[in-house]
Each structure stands twice: as structure tokens, then as C-alpha cells.
Amino acid sequence: MDNFDRLILVNLQSNNKVTSEELGHEIGLSATAVQRRVKKLRETGIIDKEIAVLNSNQLGGFVTVIVDVVMVKGGTQIIDGFKEKAIKNPDVQQCYYVAGDKDFVLVITATNMQRYEEITRELFLDDANILKFTSNIAMQPVKVGLSIPI
């Protein structure tokens, strides 16, 4: 990966709808060279996925909750079981297995507080391996993103 690849990645992280021509003009390559490089970045898995980021306020608003989870005990089976449960739940936007006094940190988006209460039952309350969980309700997004500083 060279500097051109890095420039392509920086640009695509802010707008993946930019054309190869526009991107080539921006970084000093031909459109064909940009297309070839983007294809390689996809094939090698450096570009993992390309998605649409939706504006929740335009869709009626949602509740975002950051949840700290503490497990009763560790162990591969228990940790992997919770990871799998988080992965399968479509309301879980992000899940991090962390070091420190918590075991997991989740970012959950729910249609409303009633739905969040249902999610807590599905993910936490009925799981005997969870010692406790703490819900932090996001009042306002200040910065949201998944960009990697390249």
C-alpha cells in the first residue's frame, strides 16, 4: 500500500460515492488507475464494506444507548456466546470486548425506550452470565463515525 492508496482510502471514508474521475483528479491519478487500486483494496479486504449512513432524525428519531456489561465470570464459551448474541441482534450497532472493569461496551439504537427495554430482556436480563449492565442514554451525538485515521 502506497501513498496513493492511502489518499484513496481517506477520500472514500468521507464520500464513497465520489467518481473515479473526481478522485483521480483530486489525488493525481487516472480514473483507470483509481479503479484498479480500489478493486485491489476491496479484494484484499482493506475495504471491508461500503454502506449508506442514515440520518436517524430524518427517520423519526431513535434512542441511542451505550451499555457497559460486566460478566459473572470469563471463559471462552461465555465470552464467545455473548459476542454471538450481540452480533445477531440487529439493534446492536457496535460491540466491543474490552479490557478493564467492564467486559463489553455496546452501542445500541432502538426505535424508542419501550423497544430498548425489550432489548435489555433479550440481551441482558435473561442471561445468567451477566453480573450487571449499565445504560447510558445518548442525549446528542457530538461525533459519530467509523473512519480510521490514515
N, C-alpha and C. Protein backbone atom coordinates (compact mmCIF):
# COMPACT_ATOMS: atom_id res chain seq x y z
N MET A 1 0.85 -1.17 0.00
CA MET A 1 0.00 0.00 0.00
C MET A 1 0.90 1.24 0.00
N ASP A 2 0.65 2.13 -0.95
CA ASP A 2 1.47 3.33 -1.05
C ASP A 2 0.63 4.57 -0.71
N ASN A 3 1.22 5.73 -0.93
CA ASN A 3 0.55 6.98 -0.58
C ASN A 3 -0.72 7.20 -1.40
N PHE A 4 -0.75 6.77 -2.66
CA PHE A 4 -1.96 6.90 -3.46
C PHE A 4 -3.11 6.08 -2.85
N ASP A 5 -2.79 4.86 -2.42
CA ASP A 5 -3.81 4.02 -1.78
C ASP A 5 -4.34 4.70 -0.52
N ARG A 6 -3.45 5.28 0.26
CA ARG A 6 -3.87 5.97 1.48
C ARG A 6 -4.78 7.15 1.14
N LEU A 7 -4.43 7.91 0.12
CA LEU A 7 -5.26 9.04 -0.29
C LEU A 7 -6.63 8.57 -0.78
N ILE A 8 -6.65 7.47 -1.49
CA ILE A 8 -7.93 6.90 -1.94
C ILE A 8 -8.79 6.54 -0.73
N LEU A 9 -8.18 5.86 0.24
CA LEU A 9 -8.93 5.44 1.44
C LEU A 9 -9.44 6.63 2.23
N VAL A 10 -8.62 7.66 2.39
CA VAL A 10 -9.06 8.86 3.11
C VAL A 10 -10.27 9.46 2.42
N ASN A 11 -10.21 9.59 1.10
CA ASN A 11 -11.32 10.18 0.35
C ASN A 11 -12.57 9.31 0.40
N LEU A 12 -12.41 8.00 0.24
CA LEU A 12 -13.58 7.11 0.24
C LEU A 12 -14.26 7.06 1.61
N GLN A 13 -13.49 7.24 2.69
CA GLN A 13 -14.10 7.23 4.01
C GLN A 13 -15.02 8.42 4.23
N SER A 14 -14.76 9.52 3.55
CA SER A 14 -15.64 10.68 3.71
C SER A 14 -16.76 10.70 2.68
N ASN A 15 -16.53 10.05 1.51
CA ASN A 15 -17.57 10.01 0.48
C ASN A 15 -17.25 8.88 -0.49
N ASN A 16 -17.92 7.75 -0.34
CA ASN A 16 -17.63 6.63 -1.24
C ASN A 16 -18.44 6.70 -2.54
N LYS A 17 -19.16 7.78 -2.74
CA LYS A 17 -19.90 7.98 -3.98
C LYS A 17 -19.12 8.82 -4.98
N VAL A 18 -17.91 9.26 -4.59
CA VAL A 18 -17.09 10.05 -5.49
C VAL A 18 -16.72 9.19 -6.69
N THR A 19 -16.73 9.78 -7.86
CA THR A 19 -16.40 9.02 -9.08
C THR A 19 -14.88 8.80 -9.16
N SER A 20 -14.51 7.83 -9.94
CA SER A 20 -13.08 7.56 -10.17
C SER A 20 -12.41 8.76 -10.82
N GLU A 21 -13.13 9.43 -11.70
CA GLU A 21 -12.59 10.61 -12.35
C GLU A 21 -12.32 11.71 -11.34
N GLU A 22 -13.29 11.99 -10.48
CA GLU A 22 -13.13 13.04 -9.46
C GLU A 22 -12.00 12.70 -8.50
N LEU A 23 -11.97 11.46 -8.09
CA LEU A 23 -10.94 11.01 -7.15
C LEU A 23 -9.55 11.07 -7.80
N GLY A 24 -9.47 10.63 -9.04
CA GLY A 24 -8.20 10.68 -9.76
C GLY A 24 -7.69 12.10 -9.89
N HIS A 25 -8.60 13.01 -10.21
CA HIS A 25 -8.22 14.43 -10.33
C HIS A 25 -7.72 14.96 -8.98
N GLU A 26 -8.37 14.57 -7.92
CA GLU A 26 -8.02 15.02 -6.56
C GLU A 26 -6.63 14.56 -6.14
N ILE A 27 -6.29 13.31 -6.47
CA ILE A 27 -5.03 12.75 -5.95
C ILE A 27 -3.93 12.64 -7.01
N GLY A 28 -4.26 12.90 -8.29
CA GLY A 28 -3.23 12.90 -9.33
C GLY A 28 -3.03 11.57 -10.02
N LEU A 29 -4.10 10.82 -10.21
CA LEU A 29 -4.05 9.55 -10.95
C LEU A 29 -5.14 9.55 -12.02
N SER A 30 -5.02 8.66 -12.97
CA SER A 30 -6.08 8.50 -13.96
C SER A 30 -7.26 7.76 -13.32
N ALA A 31 -8.43 7.91 -13.93
CA ALA A 31 -9.61 7.21 -13.43
C ALA A 31 -9.40 5.70 -13.46
N THR A 32 -8.74 5.21 -14.50
CA THR A 32 -8.47 3.77 -14.62
C THR A 32 -7.57 3.29 -13.50
N ALA A 33 -6.54 4.05 -13.18
CA ALA A 33 -5.63 3.68 -12.09
C ALA A 33 -6.37 3.66 -10.75
N VAL A 34 -7.26 4.62 -10.54
CA VAL A 34 -8.05 4.66 -9.31
C VAL A 34 -8.94 3.43 -9.23
N GLN A 35 -9.62 3.10 -10.32
CA GLN A 35 -10.50 1.92 -10.33
C GLN A 35 -9.72 0.65 -10.03
N ARG A 36 -8.56 0.51 -10.62
CA ARG A 36 -7.71 -0.67 -10.39
C ARG A 36 -7.30 -0.76 -8.92
N ARG A 37 -6.92 0.35 -8.34
CA ARG A 37 -6.49 0.37 -6.94
C ARG A 37 -7.66 0.09 -6.00
N VAL A 38 -8.81 0.68 -6.27
CA VAL A 38 -9.99 0.44 -5.43
C VAL A 38 -10.39 -1.03 -5.48
N LYS A 39 -10.34 -1.61 -6.67
CA LYS A 39 -10.66 -3.04 -6.82
C LYS A 39 -9.72 -3.88 -5.95
N LYS A 40 -8.42 -3.56 -5.99
CA LYS A 40 -7.45 -4.32 -5.20
C LYS A 40 -7.69 -4.12 -3.70
N LEU A 41 -8.03 -2.90 -3.28
CA LEU A 41 -8.31 -2.63 -1.87
C LEU A 41 -9.53 -3.42 -1.40
N ARG A 42 -10.50 -3.60 -2.27
CA ARG A 42 -11.67 -4.42 -1.93
C ARG A 42 -11.29 -5.90 -1.85
N GLU A 43 -10.56 -6.37 -2.85
CA GLU A 43 -10.19 -7.79 -2.91
C GLU A 43 -9.32 -8.22 -1.74
N THR A 44 -8.45 -7.33 -1.28
CA THR A 44 -7.56 -7.67 -0.17
C THR A 44 -8.25 -7.51 1.19
N GLY A 45 -9.46 -6.95 1.20
CA GLY A 45 -10.19 -6.80 2.45
C GLY A 45 -9.87 -5.53 3.21
N ILE A 46 -9.02 -4.68 2.65
CA ILE A 46 -8.76 -3.40 3.31
C ILE A 46 -10.04 -2.57 3.32
N ILE A 47 -10.76 -2.56 2.21
CA ILE A 47 -12.13 -2.00 2.22
C ILE A 47 -13.03 -3.17 2.57
N ASP A 48 -13.55 -3.12 3.78
CA ASP A 48 -14.33 -4.24 4.31
C ASP A 48 -15.77 -4.23 3.80
N LYS A 49 -16.42 -3.09 3.86
CA LYS A 49 -17.78 -2.95 3.34
C LYS A 49 -18.07 -1.50 3.02
N GLU A 50 -19.05 -1.30 2.19
CA GLU A 50 -19.48 0.04 1.80
C GLU A 50 -20.97 0.12 2.10
N ILE A 51 -21.32 1.11 2.93
CA ILE A 51 -22.70 1.19 3.43
C ILE A 51 -23.26 2.59 3.26
N ALA A 52 -24.56 2.71 3.44
CA ALA A 52 -25.20 4.02 3.49
C ALA A 52 -25.38 4.38 4.96
N VAL A 53 -25.00 5.59 5.33
CA VAL A 53 -25.19 6.07 6.69
C VAL A 53 -26.48 6.89 6.70
N LEU A 54 -27.43 6.46 7.52
CA LEU A 54 -28.74 7.10 7.56
C LEU A 54 -28.80 8.16 8.65
N ASN A 55 -29.63 9.18 8.42
CA ASN A 55 -29.87 10.22 9.40
C ASN A 55 -31.09 9.83 10.22
N SER A 56 -30.87 9.41 11.46
CA SER A 56 -31.99 8.92 12.29
C SER A 56 -33.02 10.01 12.56
N ASN A 57 -32.60 11.27 12.60
CA ASN A 57 -33.56 12.36 12.83
C ASN A 57 -34.54 12.49 11.68
N GLN A 58 -34.10 12.18 10.47
CA GLN A 58 -34.98 12.24 9.31
C GLN A 58 -35.95 11.06 9.28
N LEU A 59 -35.67 10.04 10.07
CA LEU A 59 -36.50 8.84 10.09
C LEU A 59 -37.38 8.75 11.33
N GLY A 60 -37.54 9.85 12.03
CA GLY A 60 -38.43 9.85 13.20
C GLY A 60 -37.71 9.78 14.53
N GLY A 61 -36.41 9.77 14.51
CA GLY A 61 -35.65 9.77 15.75
C GLY A 61 -35.56 8.40 16.38
N PHE A 62 -34.47 8.14 17.02
CA PHE A 62 -34.21 6.88 17.69
C PHE A 62 -33.53 7.17 19.01
N VAL A 63 -33.45 6.18 19.85
CA VAL A 63 -32.74 6.28 21.10
C VAL A 63 -31.42 5.53 20.96
N THR A 64 -30.31 6.19 21.26
CA THR A 64 -29.01 5.54 21.25
C THR A 64 -28.57 5.34 22.69
N VAL A 65 -28.18 4.12 23.00
CA VAL A 65 -27.78 3.78 24.36
C VAL A 65 -26.40 3.12 24.31
N ILE A 66 -25.51 3.62 25.16
CA ILE A 66 -24.19 3.00 25.31
C ILE A 66 -24.27 2.16 26.58
N VAL A 67 -23.99 0.87 26.44
CA VAL A 67 -24.20 -0.07 27.55
C VAL A 67 -22.87 -0.71 27.95
N ASP A 68 -22.57 -0.63 29.25
CA ASP A 68 -21.42 -1.33 29.82
C ASP A 68 -21.92 -2.64 30.39
N VAL A 69 -21.23 -3.73 30.07
CA VAL A 69 -21.65 -5.05 30.53
C VAL A 69 -20.52 -5.71 31.32
N VAL A 70 -20.87 -6.24 32.48
CA VAL A 70 -19.92 -6.99 33.31
C VAL A 70 -20.44 -8.42 33.41
N MET A 71 -19.58 -9.36 33.03
CA MET A 71 -19.96 -10.77 33.10
C MET A 71 -19.68 -11.32 34.50
N VAL A 72 -20.40 -12.36 34.89
CA VAL A 72 -20.19 -13.02 36.18
C VAL A 72 -18.79 -13.61 36.23
N LYS A 73 -18.41 -14.28 35.16
CA LYS A 73 -17.08 -14.86 35.04
C LYS A 73 -16.72 -14.90 33.57
N GLY A 74 -15.43 -15.16 33.32
CA GLY A 74 -14.96 -15.22 31.94
C GLY A 74 -15.05 -16.63 31.39
N GLY A 75 -14.16 -16.91 30.51
CA GLY A 75 -14.15 -18.21 29.84
C GLY A 75 -14.53 -18.05 28.40
N THR A 76 -13.86 -18.80 27.57
CA THR A 76 -14.05 -18.70 26.13
C THR A 76 -15.50 -18.91 25.72
N GLN A 77 -16.14 -19.92 26.27
CA GLN A 77 -17.51 -20.24 25.87
C GLN A 77 -18.49 -19.12 26.25
N ILE A 78 -18.33 -18.57 27.43
CA ILE A 78 -19.22 -17.50 27.90
C ILE A 78 -19.00 -16.23 27.08
N ILE A 79 -17.75 -15.85 26.91
CA ILE A 79 -17.43 -14.63 26.15
C ILE A 79 -17.87 -14.77 24.70
N ASP A 80 -17.54 -15.89 24.07
CA ASP A 80 -17.93 -16.10 22.68
C ASP A 80 -19.45 -16.18 22.52
N GLY A 81 -20.13 -16.74 23.51
CA GLY A 81 -21.59 -16.81 23.46
C GLY A 81 -22.22 -15.43 23.46
N PHE A 82 -21.69 -14.53 24.31
CA PHE A 82 -22.23 -13.18 24.34
C PHE A 82 -21.89 -12.42 23.06
N LYS A 83 -20.68 -12.60 22.55
CA LYS A 83 -20.31 -11.96 21.29
C LYS A 83 -21.29 -12.36 20.19
N GLU A 84 -21.60 -13.64 20.11
CA GLU A 84 -22.51 -14.14 19.08
C GLU A 84 -23.91 -13.55 19.24
N LYS A 85 -24.36 -13.45 20.48
CA LYS A 85 -25.68 -12.88 20.73
C LYS A 85 -25.73 -11.41 20.30
N ALA A 86 -24.66 -10.67 20.58
CA ALA A 86 -24.60 -9.27 20.18
C ALA A 86 -24.56 -9.13 18.66
N ILE A 87 -23.78 -9.98 18.02
CA ILE A 87 -23.68 -9.93 16.55
C ILE A 87 -25.02 -10.19 15.90
N LYS A 88 -25.79 -11.11 16.44
CA LYS A 88 -27.08 -11.48 15.83
C LYS A 88 -28.18 -10.47 16.08
N ASN A 89 -28.04 -9.60 17.08
CA ASN A 89 -29.10 -8.64 17.40
C ASN A 89 -28.97 -7.42 16.50
N PRO A 90 -29.96 -7.14 15.66
CA PRO A 90 -29.86 -6.02 14.72
C PRO A 90 -29.87 -4.64 15.39
N ASP A 91 -30.31 -4.56 16.65
CA ASP A 91 -30.32 -3.28 17.36
C ASP A 91 -28.93 -2.91 17.88
N VAL A 92 -28.04 -3.88 17.99
CA VAL A 92 -26.68 -3.62 18.44
C VAL A 92 -25.89 -3.09 17.24
N GLN A 93 -25.50 -1.83 17.32
CA GLN A 93 -24.76 -1.20 16.24
C GLN A 93 -23.27 -1.49 16.33
N GLN A 94 -22.76 -1.52 17.55
CA GLN A 94 -21.35 -1.79 17.78
C GLN A 94 -21.23 -2.57 19.08
N CYS A 95 -20.24 -3.45 19.12
CA CYS A 95 -19.97 -4.24 20.32
C CYS A 95 -18.46 -4.39 20.44
N TYR A 96 -17.95 -4.02 21.59
CA TYR A 96 -16.51 -4.10 21.84
C TYR A 96 -16.27 -4.98 23.06
N TYR A 97 -15.39 -5.96 22.92
CA TYR A 97 -14.90 -6.75 24.04
C TYR A 97 -13.70 -5.97 24.57
N VAL A 98 -13.75 -5.52 25.82
CA VAL A 98 -12.78 -4.55 26.31
C VAL A 98 -12.01 -5.08 27.52
N ALA A 99 -10.85 -4.51 27.74
CA ALA A 99 -10.07 -4.77 28.94
C ALA A 99 -10.41 -3.68 29.96
N GLY A 100 -10.37 -4.02 31.23
CA GLY A 100 -10.69 -3.05 32.27
C GLY A 100 -11.75 -3.60 33.20
N ASP A 101 -12.50 -2.71 33.82
CA ASP A 101 -13.50 -3.16 34.79
C ASP A 101 -14.83 -3.57 34.16
N LYS A 102 -14.96 -3.41 32.86
CA LYS A 102 -16.12 -3.89 32.11
C LYS A 102 -15.64 -4.99 31.17
N ASP A 103 -16.56 -5.82 30.73
CA ASP A 103 -16.20 -6.86 29.76
C ASP A 103 -16.58 -6.47 28.34
N PHE A 104 -17.71 -5.79 28.20
CA PHE A 104 -18.19 -5.37 26.89
C PHE A 104 -18.73 -3.95 26.97
N VAL A 105 -18.62 -3.24 25.86
CA VAL A 105 -19.29 -1.96 25.68
C VAL A 105 -20.07 -2.08 24.37
N LEU A 106 -21.37 -1.81 24.45
CA LEU A 106 -22.23 -1.90 23.28
C LEU A 106 -22.84 -0.54 22.96
N VAL A 107 -23.04 -0.29 21.68
CA VAL A 107 -23.81 0.86 21.23
C VAL A 107 -25.07 0.28 20.60
N ILE A 108 -26.20 0.64 21.19
CA ILE A 108 -27.49 0.10 20.76
C ILE A 108 -28.37 1.24 20.28
N THR A 109 -29.03 1.04 19.17
CA THR A 109 -30.01 2.01 18.67
C THR A 109 -31.37 1.35 18.67
N ALA A 110 -32.31 1.99 19.35
CA ALA A 110 -33.67 1.45 19.46
C ALA A 110 -34.67 2.49 18.96
N THR A 111 -35.81 2.01 18.51
CA THR A 111 -36.84 2.92 18.00
C THR A 111 -37.41 3.81 19.10
N ASN A 112 -37.42 3.31 20.33
CA ASN A 112 -37.91 4.09 21.47
C ASN A 112 -37.49 3.38 22.76
N MET A 113 -37.83 3.95 23.90
CA MET A 113 -37.42 3.35 25.18
C MET A 113 -38.12 2.02 25.44
N GLN A 114 -39.34 1.88 24.97
CA GLN A 114 -40.02 0.59 25.14
C GLN A 114 -39.26 -0.51 24.41
N ARG A 115 -38.81 -0.22 23.21
CA ARG A 115 -38.02 -1.21 22.47
C ARG A 115 -36.69 -1.48 23.18
N TYR A 116 -36.08 -0.43 23.74
CA TYR A 116 -34.83 -0.66 24.47
C TYR A 116 -35.05 -1.58 25.67
N GLU A 117 -36.16 -1.42 26.34
CA GLU A 117 -36.47 -2.30 27.48
C GLU A 117 -36.58 -3.75 27.01
N GLU A 118 -37.18 -3.96 25.85
CA GLU A 118 -37.27 -5.31 25.28
C GLU A 118 -35.87 -5.85 24.95
N ILE A 119 -35.02 -5.00 24.43
CA ILE A 119 -33.65 -5.40 24.11
C ILE A 119 -32.90 -5.82 25.37
N THR A 120 -33.11 -5.08 26.46
CA THR A 120 -32.43 -5.44 27.71
C THR A 120 -32.84 -6.83 28.17
N ARG A 121 -34.10 -7.17 27.96
CA ARG A 121 -34.55 -8.53 28.32
C ARG A 121 -33.86 -9.57 27.43
N GLU A 122 -33.83 -9.30 26.13
CA GLU A 122 -33.24 -10.24 25.17
C GLU A 122 -31.76 -10.46 25.40
N LEU A 123 -31.03 -9.36 25.67
CA LEU A 123 -29.58 -9.45 25.75
C LEU A 123 -29.03 -9.64 27.15
N PHE A 124 -29.65 -9.04 28.15
CA PHE A 124 -29.02 -8.96 29.46
C PHE A 124 -29.79 -9.67 30.58
N LEU A 125 -31.05 -9.33 30.75
CA LEU A 125 -31.78 -9.79 31.94
C LEU A 125 -31.95 -11.30 32.00
N ASP A 126 -32.10 -11.94 30.86
CA ASP A 126 -32.31 -13.39 30.85
C ASP A 126 -31.00 -14.17 30.70
N ASP A 127 -29.86 -13.49 30.81
CA ASP A 127 -28.56 -14.15 30.66
C ASP A 127 -27.91 -14.28 32.03
N ALA A 128 -27.85 -15.48 32.55
CA ALA A 128 -27.28 -15.74 33.88
C ALA A 128 -25.78 -15.45 33.94
N ASN A 129 -25.13 -15.29 32.80
CA ASN A 129 -23.69 -15.00 32.78
C ASN A 129 -23.38 -13.51 32.94
N ILE A 130 -24.41 -12.68 32.96
CA ILE A 130 -24.20 -11.24 33.10
C ILE A 130 -24.43 -10.84 34.55
N LEU A 131 -23.40 -10.25 35.16
CA LEU A 131 -23.49 -9.77 36.53
C LEU A 131 -24.30 -8.49 36.59
N LYS A 132 -23.94 -7.53 35.72
CA LYS A 132 -24.68 -6.27 35.66
C LYS A 132 -24.43 -5.57 34.33
N PHE A 133 -25.34 -4.66 34.03
CA PHE A 133 -25.16 -3.79 32.86
C PHE A 133 -25.61 -2.39 33.24
N THR A 134 -24.97 -1.42 32.63
CA THR A 134 -25.28 -0.02 32.90
C THR A 134 -25.64 0.66 31.59
N SER A 135 -26.77 1.33 31.57
CA SER A 135 -27.24 2.01 30.36
C SER A 135 -26.92 3.49 30.44
N ASN A 136 -26.33 4.01 29.39
CA ASN A 136 -26.05 5.44 29.27
C ASN A 136 -26.80 5.95 28.04
N ILE A 137 -27.81 6.77 28.26
CA ILE A 137 -28.64 7.28 27.17
C ILE A 137 -27.93 8.47 26.52
N ALA A 138 -27.71 8.37 25.21
CA ALA A 138 -27.09 9.48 24.48
C ALA A 138 -28.12 10.58 24.28
N MET A 139 -27.77 11.79 24.74
CA MET A 139 -28.69 12.91 24.59
C MET A 139 -28.51 13.60 23.25
N GLN A 140 -27.27 13.62 22.74
CA GLN A 140 -26.99 14.28 21.47
C GLN A 140 -25.71 13.70 20.89
N PRO A 141 -25.74 13.32 19.63
CA PRO A 141 -24.49 12.87 19.02
C PRO A 141 -23.58 14.07 18.78
N VAL A 142 -22.37 14.01 19.29
CA VAL A 142 -21.41 15.08 19.09
C VAL A 142 -20.49 14.73 17.93
N LYS A 143 -20.04 13.49 17.89
CA LYS A 143 -19.24 13.00 16.78
C LYS A 143 -19.54 11.52 16.62
N VAL A 144 -19.92 11.13 15.42
CA VAL A 144 -20.21 9.75 15.11
C VAL A 144 -19.45 9.39 13.86
N GLY A 145 -18.74 8.29 13.89
CA GLY A 145 -18.02 7.89 12.70
C GLY A 145 -17.30 6.58 12.88
N LEU A 146 -16.87 6.04 11.78
CA LEU A 146 -16.09 4.81 11.78
C LEU A 146 -14.80 4.98 11.00
N SER A 147 -14.46 6.21 10.66
CA SER A 147 -13.26 6.47 9.88
C SER A 147 -12.02 6.10 10.67
N ILE A 148 -11.05 5.54 9.96
CA ILE A 148 -9.76 5.20 10.54
C ILE A 148 -8.77 6.29 10.10
N PRO A 149 -8.06 6.92 11.03
CA PRO A 149 -7.11 7.96 10.63
C PRO A 149 -5.92 7.33 9.90
N ILE A 150 -5.81 7.63 8.63
CA ILE A 150 -4.76 7.05 7.79
C ILE A 150 -3.69 8.10 7.52
